[in-house]
Amino acid sequence: MFTHWLKIYSVPLALGIAGAGLYAGAANAGTCELADANRDTGWMLTFDDAQVSNCVFTGNAGTGRNKGTLDLTLNIASAKPIDIGFVQEVAPAEDSFGLRITWNLTVNNNYQVLRGIRGRAFDNTEKLDDDENEFVENAHPGFAHFHNDGTFNPGPFVGAEDCDCESDRDFKIKGEDHGVFSLGTGTVTGIGVHQIQEQGRVRSFSVSVEPLEAEVK
C-alpha cells in the first residue's frame, strides 16, 4: 500500500509558484504531494480543486529515472484552460535527471464535443544548456518538457497516434476533427513529464491544459 496526501491550502500559497499568472482569483486552491512510501520526488502540485481532483501519485521504488505515475482528473466545464503548478519544494544539492514521471489524465467532459486536449508548459526558470548540466541533451532539453511514454493511449480521442510532444514544451492529443468525445469520462495515459534539476536552484513550472473543441460541420 502507498500513502496519498491531498491537502487544501489558502490561495496565497498557489500564487507564489512560477507560471503565467496562475490562480489569480482562484477560489479553491488545492495541493498534492508527489510522494508515497516508495518514492518522494521533492515536488508537489497546486491547482484549483474545482477543476482538478483525484490526485494520486504512485512512486517507483529504487533510484530509476522515472520516479512514478501521477493520476489526475480534469473537470472540463468550459473552454477555460486548467492550470496545474509543479512546485519543487527544496532546491537539490546536486544536479540530477530531475522530475521525470508518467502522467495519466482522466478527462471529465461536461462541456461539449471535443477532439482532444493541448497542454503547454510555462517555465520561468533559466533554460539549462549541456555545458552546465550533464543531463541536458537533444532528447532532454533544459526546460520543462514532455515525452511520449510507452504506455501512451489517447483514450477517448480516437485517431490520435501519439501525444505530439516528444521533448517539447507542449503536448497535443488530437483525434478526428469533428470530434468523437461527447459528454462523459475518458482517460489518456502515458504522457511523460520532465524537468531536469540544477544544483541549488528551484525549477518550478506550470502546465496549462485546454480542451480542443470539435470543428463544426
Protein backbone atom coordinates (compact mmCIF):
# COMPACT_ATOMS: atom_id res chain seq x y z
CA MET A 1 0.00 0.00 0.00
CA PHE A 2 1.08 3.55 -0.57
CA THR A 3 0.13 6.71 1.22
CA HIS A 4 -1.56 9.55 -0.66
CA TRP A 5 -1.64 13.11 0.60
CA LEU A 6 -4.24 15.61 -0.57
CA LYS A 7 -4.16 18.90 1.31
CA ILE A 8 -6.03 22.17 0.94
CA TYR A 9 -4.23 25.44 1.49
CA SER A 10 -5.06 29.10 1.05
CA VAL A 11 -4.80 30.97 -2.25
CA PRO A 12 -1.56 32.88 -1.40
CA LEU A 13 0.47 29.65 -1.50
CA ALA A 14 -0.64 28.94 -5.05
CA LEU A 15 0.07 32.50 -6.12
CA GLY A 16 3.71 32.10 -5.16
CA ILE A 17 4.66 29.48 -7.77
CA ALA A 18 6.25 30.01 -11.16
CA GLY A 19 3.78 30.24 -14.01
CA ALA A 20 1.73 32.50 -16.22
CA GLY A 21 -0.44 34.29 -13.68
CA LEU A 22 -1.53 31.03 -12.11
CA TYR A 23 -4.57 31.10 -9.86
CA ALA A 24 -5.18 34.84 -9.90
CA GLY A 25 -8.51 34.94 -8.14
CA ALA A 26 -8.85 31.18 -7.74
CA ALA A 27 -11.37 30.37 -5.02
CA ASN A 28 -10.39 26.77 -4.24
CA ALA A 29 -6.65 26.16 -4.04
CA GLY A 30 -5.59 22.54 -3.57
CA THR A 31 -2.26 20.75 -3.35
CA CYS A 32 -1.00 17.20 -3.78
CA GLU A 33 2.40 15.81 -2.78
CA LEU A 34 4.25 13.78 -5.44
CA ALA A 35 5.37 11.30 -2.81
CA ASP A 36 4.43 7.97 -1.31
CA ALA A 37 6.07 5.17 0.69
CA ASN A 38 8.16 4.13 -2.33
CA ARG A 39 9.40 7.49 -3.59
CA ASP A 40 9.49 11.13 -2.56
CA THR A 41 10.14 13.30 -5.60
CA GLY A 42 10.52 16.55 -3.63
CA TRP A 43 7.75 18.10 -5.73
CA MET A 44 4.09 18.96 -5.21
CA LEU A 45 1.13 20.10 -7.33
CA THR A 46 -1.03 23.18 -6.88
CA PHE A 47 -4.37 23.66 -8.63
CA ASP A 48 -7.94 24.91 -8.42
CA ASP A 49 -9.75 21.95 -6.89
CA ALA A 50 -12.94 22.84 -8.75
CA GLN A 51 -11.04 21.91 -11.94
CA VAL A 52 -8.69 19.19 -10.70
CA SER A 53 -9.42 16.19 -8.47
CA ASN A 54 -8.45 12.60 -7.63
CA CYS A 55 -4.72 13.28 -7.43
CA VAL A 56 -2.82 10.06 -6.77
CA PHE A 57 0.94 9.56 -7.06
CA THR A 58 2.32 6.02 -7.21
CA GLY A 59 6.10 6.02 -6.79
CA ASN A 60 8.54 3.66 -8.49
CA ALA A 61 10.78 2.08 -5.87
CA GLY A 62 14.54 2.40 -6.26
CA THR A 63 16.60 5.07 -7.98
CA GLY A 64 15.41 4.79 -11.58
CA ARG A 65 14.97 7.95 -13.64
CA ASN A 66 11.18 7.64 -13.91
CA LYS A 67 10.03 8.34 -10.38
CA GLY A 68 6.44 7.18 -10.70
CA THR A 69 2.95 7.71 -12.11
CA LEU A 70 0.64 10.65 -11.49
CA ASP A 71 -3.09 10.08 -11.94
CA LEU A 72 -5.26 13.19 -12.12
CA THR A 73 -8.82 14.07 -13.12
CA LEU A 74 -9.53 17.25 -15.11
CA ASN A 75 -13.07 18.56 -14.79
CA ILE A 76 -13.81 20.40 -18.03
CA ALA A 77 -16.89 22.64 -17.79
CA SER A 78 -15.91 25.39 -20.27
CA ALA A 79 -13.25 26.45 -22.77
CA LYS A 80 -11.16 27.85 -19.90
CA PRO A 81 -7.70 26.20 -19.64
CA ILE A 82 -6.93 24.25 -16.50
CA ASP A 83 -3.70 25.38 -14.78
CA ILE A 84 -1.58 23.00 -12.72
CA GLY A 85 1.55 24.06 -10.88
CA PHE A 86 4.52 21.70 -10.47
CA VAL A 87 6.37 23.10 -7.45
CA GLN A 88 9.83 21.97 -6.39
CA GLU A 89 9.80 22.20 -2.60
CA VAL A 90 13.56 22.15 -1.91
CA ALA A 91 16.46 23.06 -4.20
CA PRO A 92 18.60 19.97 -4.93
CA ALA A 93 22.10 19.61 -3.51
CA GLU A 94 23.43 18.31 -6.83
CA ASP A 95 22.46 18.15 -10.48
CA SER A 96 20.09 15.31 -11.32
CA PHE A 97 17.87 13.92 -14.05
CA GLY A 98 15.15 15.64 -12.08
CA LEU A 99 11.42 15.21 -12.01
CA ARG A 100 10.53 12.50 -14.51
CA ILE A 101 7.08 10.94 -14.17
CA THR A 102 4.34 9.38 -16.27
CA TRP A 103 1.10 11.35 -16.28
CA ASN A 104 -2.34 9.77 -16.76
CA LEU A 105 -5.19 12.24 -17.25
CA THR A 106 -8.82 11.32 -16.75
CA VAL A 107 -10.91 13.90 -18.61
CA ASN A 108 -14.36 14.51 -17.15
CA ASN A 109 -16.06 16.34 -20.03
CA ASN A 110 -19.11 18.38 -19.03
CA TYR A 111 -18.64 20.96 -21.79
CA GLN A 112 -19.20 19.92 -25.41
CA VAL A 113 -17.91 17.53 -28.07
CA LEU A 114 -14.09 17.57 -28.01
CA ARG A 115 -11.46 16.34 -30.42
CA GLY A 116 -8.57 16.50 -27.96
CA ILE A 117 -6.58 18.41 -25.37
CA ARG A 118 -3.45 20.55 -25.50
CA GLY A 119 -1.03 21.11 -22.64
CA ARG A 120 1.59 23.87 -22.52
CA ALA A 121 4.46 24.12 -20.05
CA PHE A 122 5.27 27.59 -18.71
CA ASP A 123 8.77 27.53 -17.26
CA ASN A 124 10.07 30.79 -15.81
CA THR A 125 13.36 29.28 -14.67
CA GLU A 126 16.52 29.78 -16.67
CA LYS A 127 16.97 27.38 -19.57
CA LEU A 128 19.86 24.99 -18.94
CA ASP A 129 22.42 24.00 -21.55
CA ASP A 130 24.71 20.99 -21.87
CA ASP A 131 27.75 22.98 -20.74
CA GLU A 132 26.35 23.40 -17.22
CA ASN A 133 24.29 20.26 -16.75
CA GLU A 134 25.30 16.78 -17.89
CA PHE A 135 21.69 15.64 -18.27
CA VAL A 136 20.77 18.22 -20.92
CA GLU A 137 20.70 16.80 -24.44
CA ASN A 138 18.51 16.87 -27.53
CA ALA A 139 16.23 14.22 -26.07
CA HIS A 140 16.04 16.06 -22.74
CA PRO A 141 16.25 19.85 -23.20
CA GLY A 142 16.97 22.24 -20.35
CA PHE A 143 13.37 23.36 -19.79
CA ALA A 144 10.14 21.71 -18.69
CA HIS A 145 9.03 19.36 -21.47
CA PHE A 146 7.01 16.27 -22.33
CA HIS A 147 7.67 12.77 -23.68
CA ASN A 148 5.62 10.10 -25.39
CA ASP A 149 5.85 7.21 -22.92
CA GLY A 150 5.47 3.59 -23.96
CA THR A 151 2.14 3.36 -22.16
CA PHE A 152 0.57 6.14 -24.26
CA ASN A 153 -3.08 5.65 -25.14
CA PRO A 154 -5.29 8.51 -26.41
CA GLY A 155 -8.34 7.16 -24.62
CA PRO A 156 -11.47 8.98 -25.85
CA PHE A 157 -9.62 10.90 -28.59
CA VAL A 158 -9.85 8.31 -31.33
CA GLY A 159 -7.31 8.74 -34.12
CA ALA A 160 -4.54 10.38 -32.06
CA GLU A 161 -1.43 8.29 -32.77
CA ASP A 162 0.77 9.83 -30.09
CA CYS A 163 0.96 12.84 -27.79
CA ASP A 164 2.69 15.04 -30.41
CA CYS A 165 5.10 16.10 -27.72
CA GLU A 166 8.50 14.47 -27.80
CA SER A 167 10.95 16.68 -25.88
CA ASP A 168 8.87 19.81 -26.49
CA ARG A 169 7.19 22.42 -24.30
CA ASP A 170 3.70 21.27 -25.19
CA PHE A 171 1.65 18.21 -26.00
CA LYS A 172 -1.33 17.85 -28.33
CA ILE A 173 -3.61 14.84 -28.32
CA LYS A 174 -5.97 15.31 -31.26
CA GLY A 175 -8.40 12.85 -32.76
CA GLU A 176 -10.90 13.35 -35.55
CA ASP A 177 -11.60 17.00 -36.45
CA HIS A 178 -15.34 16.54 -35.96
CA GLY A 179 -14.69 15.10 -32.51
CA VAL A 180 -15.92 11.86 -31.01
CA PHE A 181 -15.68 12.59 -27.29
CA SER A 182 -19.01 13.93 -26.13
CA LEU A 183 -20.10 14.40 -22.53
CA GLY A 184 -18.61 11.75 -20.29
CA THR A 185 -15.31 10.50 -18.91
CA GLY A 186 -12.24 9.05 -20.61
CA THR A 187 -8.59 8.55 -19.69
CA VAL A 188 -5.44 9.47 -21.61
CA THR A 189 -2.38 7.54 -20.42
CA GLY A 190 1.38 7.77 -20.92
CA ILE A 191 2.26 11.47 -21.09
CA GLY A 192 5.81 11.84 -19.81
CA VAL A 193 6.64 14.99 -17.78
CA HIS A 194 10.27 16.01 -17.26
CA GLN A 195 12.23 18.84 -15.68
CA ILE A 196 16.00 18.47 -15.19
CA GLN A 197 17.24 19.67 -11.80
CA GLU A 198 20.16 22.02 -11.23
CA GLN A 199 22.18 22.22 -8.04
CA GLY A 200 20.92 24.94 -5.70
CA ARG A 201 18.07 26.04 -8.00
CA VAL A 202 14.33 25.65 -7.55
CA ARG A 203 12.95 24.91 -11.03
CA SER A 204 9.17 25.02 -10.61
CA PHE A 205 6.91 25.30 -13.66
CA SER A 206 3.23 25.15 -14.58
CA VAL A 207 1.17 23.30 -17.17
CA SER A 208 -1.96 24.77 -18.76
CA VAL A 209 -4.32 22.19 -20.30
CA GLU A 210 -7.01 23.42 -22.69
CA PRO A 211 -9.84 21.49 -24.34
CA LEU A 212 -9.78 21.31 -28.14
CA GLU A 213 -13.31 21.80 -29.41
CA ALA A 214 -14.64 19.80 -32.32
CA GLU A 215 -14.95 21.60 -35.64
CA VAL A 216 -18.50 22.48 -36.62
CA LYS A 217 -19.63 20.73 -39.79
